[in-house]
Amino acid sequence: MRITRIISEKPVKEQDKVDLSSLDSLFASFRGKHGSLIPLLQGTQHAFGYIPREAFSRISQETGIEIADIYGVATFYAQFRLSPVGKNIIKVCHGTACHVQNANAITDALKEELNVLDGETTPDGMFTLESVACLGCCSLAPVMMIGDDTYGKLTGKSAVKTLREMKNNPCPKKEATV
């Protein structure tokens, strides 16, 4: 099974102007170094949670790489985001083990609960739903991750229950496991 990037058909809203001065030290550390494009894109995304439109011009100025080429790299790799994402990213695994255990039911249930399509963010900015190729937790299939927390052996119903619990208690205290 191949996971494809979902392109939203919703109109793109203008993003707020972004102050790129926070990236000055990042650019200084890579100035004049070959092969710095991906680390610059990663650092930019780490700073903002996505790669703002204005950053492409700045990266082009700093590296001498054409904006179209930078955009080509940013859109080739699924790790890069070109628009803001929710505070909580929900990744539903659709790898082989999860797929045969009905990962589609989980994604469908979450889409209905959140009222978003795959790849979209809720209007309140709290959640972004993504289908991913593999989370590496095959023994727990089907699996989803919310942030750094992994939830396994799910059904559509249990995934929605987990999400609702998270909405009602956004900062649960984790108990240490031995």
C-alpha atoms as a PDB file:
ATOM      1  CA  MET A   1       0.000   0.000   0.000  1.00  0.00           C
ATOM      2  CA  ARG A   2       1.298   3.432  -0.845  1.00  0.00           C
ATOM      3  CA  ILE A   3       0.446   6.483   1.232  1.00  0.00           C
ATOM      4  CA  THR A   4       0.051   9.622  -0.822  1.00  0.00           C
ATOM      5  CA  ARG A   5       0.219  13.185   0.370  1.00  0.00           C
ATOM      6  CA  ILE A   6      -3.237  14.718   0.577  1.00  0.00           C
ATOM      7  CA  ILE A   7      -3.538  18.115  -1.046  1.00  0.00           C
ATOM      8  CA  SER A   8      -6.332  20.118   0.518  1.00  0.00           C
ATOM      9  CA  GLU A   9      -8.748  21.697  -1.912  1.00  0.00           C
ATOM     10  CA  LYS A  10      -9.616  24.404   0.587  1.00  0.00           C
ATOM     11  CA  PRO A  11      -8.443  27.866  -0.397  1.00  0.00           C
ATOM     12  CA  VAL A  12      -5.119  28.821   1.103  1.00  0.00           C
ATOM     13  CA  LYS A  13      -5.531  31.631   3.598  1.00  0.00           C
ATOM     14  CA  GLU A  14      -2.891  34.263   3.949  1.00  0.00           C
ATOM     15  CA  GLN A  15      -0.450  33.396   6.685  1.00  0.00           C
ATOM     16  CA  ASP A  16       0.599  36.021   9.165  1.00  0.00           C
ATOM     17  CA  LYS A  17       3.888  37.756   8.441  1.00  0.00           C
ATOM     18  CA  VAL A  18       6.698  35.811  10.030  1.00  0.00           C
ATOM     19  CA  ASP A  19       9.762  37.335  11.683  1.00  0.00           C
ATOM     20  CA  LEU A  20      12.672  35.328  10.319  1.00  0.00           C
ATOM     21  CA  SER A  21      15.290  37.054  12.485  1.00  0.00           C
ATOM     22  CA  SER A  22      15.161  34.089  14.879  1.00  0.00           C
ATOM     23  CA  LEU A  23      16.851  32.080  12.119  1.00  0.00           C
ATOM     24  CA  ASP A  24      19.947  34.309  11.938  1.00  0.00           C
ATOM     25  CA  SER A  25      22.083  31.949  14.036  1.00  0.00           C
ATOM     26  CA  LEU A  26      20.884  28.951  12.002  1.00  0.00           C
ATOM     27  CA  PHE A  27      21.940  30.613   8.757  1.00  0.00           C
ATOM     28  CA  ALA A  28      25.241  31.719  10.271  1.00  0.00           C
ATOM     29  CA  SER A  29      26.083  28.146  11.309  1.00  0.00           C
ATOM     30  CA  PHE A  30      25.557  26.823   7.765  1.00  0.00           C
ATOM     31  CA  ARG A  31      26.868  29.787   5.754  1.00  0.00           C
ATOM     32  CA  GLY A  32      29.169  28.637   2.975  1.00  0.00           C
ATOM     33  CA  LYS A  33      28.652  24.933   3.649  1.00  0.00           C
ATOM     34  CA  HIS A  34      27.602  22.647   0.810  1.00  0.00           C
ATOM     35  CA  GLY A  35      24.717  20.271   1.471  1.00  0.00           C
ATOM     36  CA  SER A  36      23.082  22.581   3.976  1.00  0.00           C
ATOM     37  CA  LEU A  37      19.651  22.862   2.378  1.00  0.00           C
ATOM     38  CA  ILE A  38      17.929  20.040   4.266  1.00  0.00           C
ATOM     39  CA  PRO A  39      19.351  21.085   7.660  1.00  0.00           C
ATOM     40  CA  LEU A  40      18.238  24.670   6.946  1.00  0.00           C
ATOM     41  CA  LEU A  41      14.731  23.484   6.071  1.00  0.00           C
ATOM     42  CA  GLN A  42      14.662  21.283   9.181  1.00  0.00           C
ATOM     43  CA  GLY A  43      15.860  24.113  11.410  1.00  0.00           C
ATOM     44  CA  THR A  44      13.302  26.493   9.939  1.00  0.00           C
ATOM     45  CA  GLN A  45      10.516  23.998  10.489  1.00  0.00           C
ATOM     46  CA  HIS A  46      11.735  23.346  14.032  1.00  0.00           C
ATOM     47  CA  ALA A  47      11.558  27.076  14.770  1.00  0.00           C
ATOM     48  CA  PHE A  48       8.064  27.658  13.343  1.00  0.00           C
ATOM     49  CA  GLY A  49       6.434  24.221  13.202  1.00  0.00           C
ATOM     50  CA  TYR A  50       6.312  24.560   9.419  1.00  0.00           C
ATOM     51  CA  ILE A  51       8.267  26.337   6.680  1.00  0.00           C
ATOM     52  CA  PRO A  52       6.781  29.800   6.171  1.00  0.00           C
ATOM     53  CA  ARG A  53       6.541  31.140   2.643  1.00  0.00           C
ATOM     54  CA  GLU A  54       8.950  33.991   3.454  1.00  0.00           C
ATOM     55  CA  ALA A  55      11.606  31.491   4.536  1.00  0.00           C
ATOM     56  CA  PHE A  56      12.059  30.231   0.972  1.00  0.00           C
ATOM     57  CA  SER A  57      13.295  33.654  -0.152  1.00  0.00           C
ATOM     58  CA  ARG A  58      15.626  33.951   2.818  1.00  0.00           C
ATOM     59  CA  ILE A  59      17.044  30.451   2.324  1.00  0.00           C
ATOM     60  CA  SER A  60      17.551  31.262  -1.366  1.00  0.00           C
ATOM     61  CA  GLN A  61      19.423  34.462  -0.494  1.00  0.00           C
ATOM     62  CA  GLU A  62      21.607  32.666   2.037  1.00  0.00           C
ATOM     63  CA  THR A  63      22.452  29.626  -0.106  1.00  0.00           C
ATOM     64  CA  GLY A  64      22.213  30.880  -3.681  1.00  0.00           C
ATOM     65  CA  ILE A  65      19.815  28.034  -4.479  1.00  0.00           C
ATOM     66  CA  GLU A  66      16.817  28.928  -6.633  1.00  0.00           C
ATOM     67  CA  ILE A  67      13.480  29.148  -4.793  1.00  0.00           C
ATOM     68  CA  ALA A  68      11.955  26.583  -7.162  1.00  0.00           C
ATOM     69  CA  ASP A  69      14.683  24.082  -6.266  1.00  0.00           C
ATOM     70  CA  ILE A  70      14.203  24.696  -2.535  1.00  0.00           C
ATOM     71  CA  TYR A  71      10.462  24.248  -2.933  1.00  0.00           C
ATOM     72  CA  GLY A  72      11.089  21.044  -4.887  1.00  0.00           C
ATOM     73  CA  VAL A  73      13.101  19.596  -2.005  1.00  0.00           C
ATOM     74  CA  ALA A  74      10.564  20.758   0.603  1.00  0.00           C
ATOM     75  CA  THR A  75       7.671  19.162  -1.253  1.00  0.00           C
ATOM     76  CA  PHE A  76       9.560  15.969  -2.092  1.00  0.00           C
ATOM     77  CA  TYR A  77      10.163  14.994   1.532  1.00  0.00           C
ATOM     78  CA  ALA A  78       7.054  14.257   3.587  1.00  0.00           C
ATOM     79  CA  GLN A  79       8.771  15.518   6.751  1.00  0.00           C
ATOM     80  CA  PHE A  80       8.421  19.134   5.637  1.00  0.00           C
ATOM     81  CA  ARG A  81       5.254  21.146   6.168  1.00  0.00           C
ATOM     82  CA  LEU A  82       4.315  24.263   4.241  1.00  0.00           C
ATOM     83  CA  SER A  83       1.457  25.335   6.471  1.00  0.00           C
ATOM     84  CA  PRO A  84       0.918  25.454  10.224  1.00  0.00           C
ATOM     85  CA  VAL A  85      -0.185  22.252  11.932  1.00  0.00           C
ATOM     86  CA  GLY A  86      -2.235  21.604  15.032  1.00  0.00           C
ATOM     87  CA  LYS A  87      -0.878  21.578  18.545  1.00  0.00           C
ATOM     88  CA  ASN A  88      -1.349  17.791  18.528  1.00  0.00           C
ATOM     89  CA  ILE A  89      -0.486  15.737  15.464  1.00  0.00           C
ATOM     90  CA  ILE A  90      -2.395  12.469  15.221  1.00  0.00           C
ATOM     91  CA  LYS A  91      -0.547   9.950  13.068  1.00  0.00           C
ATOM     92  CA  VAL A  92      -2.458   6.847  12.072  1.00  0.00           C
ATOM     93  CA  CYS A  93      -0.255   4.037  10.812  1.00  0.00           C
ATOM     94  CA  HIS A  94      -1.267   2.499   7.487  1.00  0.00           C
ATOM     95  CA  GLY A  95       1.699   0.148   7.137  1.00  0.00           C
ATOM     96  CA  THR A  96       1.028  -3.467   6.198  1.00  0.00           C
ATOM     97  CA  ALA A  97       0.358  -4.792   9.721  1.00  0.00           C
ATOM     98  CA  CYS A  98      -1.941  -1.885  10.576  1.00  0.00           C
ATOM     99  CA  HIS A  99      -3.625  -1.928   7.176  1.00  0.00           C
ATOM    100  CA  VAL A 100      -4.644  -5.569   7.481  1.00  0.00           C
ATOM    101  CA  GLN A 101      -5.896  -4.841  11.012  1.00  0.00           C
ATOM    102  CA  ASN A 102      -8.260  -2.180   9.565  1.00  0.00           C
ATOM    103  CA  ALA A 103      -6.386   1.085  10.070  1.00  0.00           C
ATOM    104  CA  ASN A 104      -8.885   2.656   7.661  1.00  0.00           C
ATOM    105  CA  ALA A 105     -11.587   2.314  10.318  1.00  0.00           C
ATOM    106  CA  ILE A 106      -9.434   4.332  12.730  1.00  0.00           C
ATOM    107  CA  THR A 107      -8.760   7.066  10.212  1.00  0.00           C
ATOM    108  CA  ASP A 108     -12.417   7.224   9.196  1.00  0.00           C
ATOM    109  CA  ALA A 109     -13.589   7.431  12.815  1.00  0.00           C
ATOM    110  CA  LEU A 110     -11.111  10.199  13.620  1.00  0.00           C
ATOM    111  CA  LYS A 111     -12.031  12.126  10.466  1.00  0.00           C
ATOM    112  CA  GLU A 112     -15.658  12.016  11.538  1.00  0.00           C
ATOM    113  CA  GLU A 113     -14.902  12.945  15.170  1.00  0.00           C
ATOM    114  CA  LEU A 114     -12.628  15.860  14.219  1.00  0.00           C
ATOM    115  CA  ASN A 115     -14.616  16.868  11.126  1.00  0.00           C
ATOM    116  CA  VAL A 116     -11.447  17.108   9.027  1.00  0.00           C
ATOM    117  CA  LEU A 117      -9.978  15.251   6.079  1.00  0.00           C
ATOM    118  CA  ASP A 118      -6.705  13.383   6.202  1.00  0.00           C
ATOM    119  CA  GLY A 119      -3.897  15.948   6.286  1.00  0.00           C
ATOM    120  CA  GLU A 120      -6.070  18.753   7.645  1.00  0.00           C
ATOM    121  CA  THR A 121      -6.052  20.666  10.913  1.00  0.00           C
ATOM    122  CA  THR A 122      -9.090  21.360  13.067  1.00  0.00           C
ATOM    123  CA  PRO A 123     -10.319  24.982  12.958  1.00  0.00           C
ATOM    124  CA  ASP A 124      -9.285  25.498  16.600  1.00  0.00           C
ATOM    125  CA  GLY A 125      -5.710  24.501  15.725  1.00  0.00           C
ATOM    126  CA  MET A 126      -5.664  21.689  18.273  1.00  0.00           C
ATOM    127  CA  PHE A 127      -5.343  18.613  16.033  1.00  0.00           C
ATOM    128  CA  THR A 128      -3.861  17.646  12.682  1.00  0.00           C
ATOM    129  CA  LEU A 129      -4.764  14.207  11.315  1.00  0.00           C
ATOM    130  CA  GLU A 130      -2.226  12.347   9.178  1.00  0.00           C
ATOM    131  CA  SER A 131      -2.016   8.903   7.656  1.00  0.00           C
ATOM    132  CA  VAL A 132       1.572   7.666   7.702  1.00  0.00           C
ATOM    133  CA  ALA A 133       3.286   4.724   6.050  1.00  0.00           C
ATOM    134  CA  CYS A 134       4.672   3.101   9.211  1.00  0.00           C
ATOM    135  CA  LEU A 135       5.194   3.919  12.878  1.00  0.00           C
ATOM    136  CA  GLY A 136       7.331   0.859  13.565  1.00  0.00           C
ATOM    137  CA  CYS A 137       4.968  -0.632  16.149  1.00  0.00           C
ATOM    138  CA  CYS A 138       3.727  -3.609  14.146  1.00  0.00           C
ATOM    139  CA  SER A 139       3.156  -5.810  17.192  1.00  0.00           C
ATOM    140  CA  LEU A 140       0.616  -3.238  18.442  1.00  0.00           C
ATOM    141  CA  ALA A 141      -1.269  -2.959  15.151  1.00  0.00           C
ATOM    142  CA  PRO A 142      -3.333  -1.008  14.412  1.00  0.00           C
ATOM    143  CA  VAL A 143      -1.549   1.979  15.928  1.00  0.00           C
ATOM    144  CA  MET A 144      -1.814   5.735  16.182  1.00  0.00           C
ATOM    145  CA  MET A 145       0.442   8.319  17.779  1.00  0.00           C
ATOM    146  CA  ILE A 146      -0.657  11.583  19.296  1.00  0.00           C
ATOM    147  CA  GLY A 147       2.452  13.640  19.824  1.00  0.00           C
ATOM    148  CA  ASP A 148       4.998  11.243  21.352  1.00  0.00           C
ATOM    149  CA  ASP A 149       2.400   8.874  22.828  1.00  0.00           C
ATOM    150  CA  THR A 150       1.623   5.593  21.065  1.00  0.00           C
ATOM    151  CA  TYR A 151      -1.751   3.835  21.245  1.00  0.00           C
ATOM    152  CA  GLY A 152      -2.089   0.291  19.964  1.00  0.00           C
ATOM    153  CA  LYS A 153      -4.583  -2.512  19.374  1.00  0.00           C
ATOM    154  CA  LEU A 154      -7.116   0.126  18.354  1.00  0.00           C
ATOM    155  CA  THR A 155     -10.537   0.109  16.809  1.00  0.00           C
ATOM    156  CA  GLY A 156     -12.276   3.166  15.419  1.00  0.00           C
ATOM    157  CA  LYS A 157     -14.285   3.379  18.631  1.00  0.00           C
ATOM    158  CA  SER A 158     -11.274   3.095  20.956  1.00  0.00           C
ATOM    159  CA  ALA A 159      -9.324   5.676  18.923  1.00  0.00           C
ATOM    160  CA  VAL A 160     -12.178   8.172  19.281  1.00  0.00           C
ATOM    161  CA  LYS A 161     -12.420   7.367  23.007  1.00  0.00           C
ATOM    162  CA  THR A 162      -8.691   8.078  23.410  1.00  0.00           C
ATOM    163  CA  LEU A 163      -9.072  11.355  21.541  1.00  0.00           C
ATOM    164  CA  ARG A 164     -12.049  12.435  23.665  1.00  0.00           C
ATOM    165  CA  GLU A 165     -10.146  11.620  26.858  1.00  0.00           C
ATOM    166  CA  MET A 166      -7.268  13.727  25.612  1.00  0.00           C
ATOM    167  CA  LYS A 167      -9.614  16.625  24.827  1.00  0.00           C
ATOM    168  CA  ASN A 168     -11.079  16.424  28.344  1.00  0.00           C
ATOM    169  CA  ASN A 169      -7.682  16.069  30.029  1.00  0.00           C
ATOM    170  CA  PRO A 170      -5.069  17.654  27.731  1.00  0.00           C
ATOM    171  CA  CYS A 171      -2.174  17.263  30.189  1.00  0.00           C
ATOM    172  CA  PRO A 172      -2.484  13.824  31.787  1.00  0.00           C
ATOM    173  CA  LYS A 173       0.196  12.912  34.276  1.00  0.00           C
ATOM    174  CA  LYS A 174       2.187   9.972  33.012  1.00  0.00           C
ATOM    175  CA  GLU A 175       3.035   7.245  35.461  1.00  0.00           C
ATOM    176  CA  ALA A 176       6.528   5.857  35.240  1.00  0.00           C
ATOM    177  CA  THR A 177       6.745   2.306  34.016  1.00  0.00           C
ATOM    178  CA  VAL A 178       9.444  -0.042  35.194  1.00  0.00           C
END
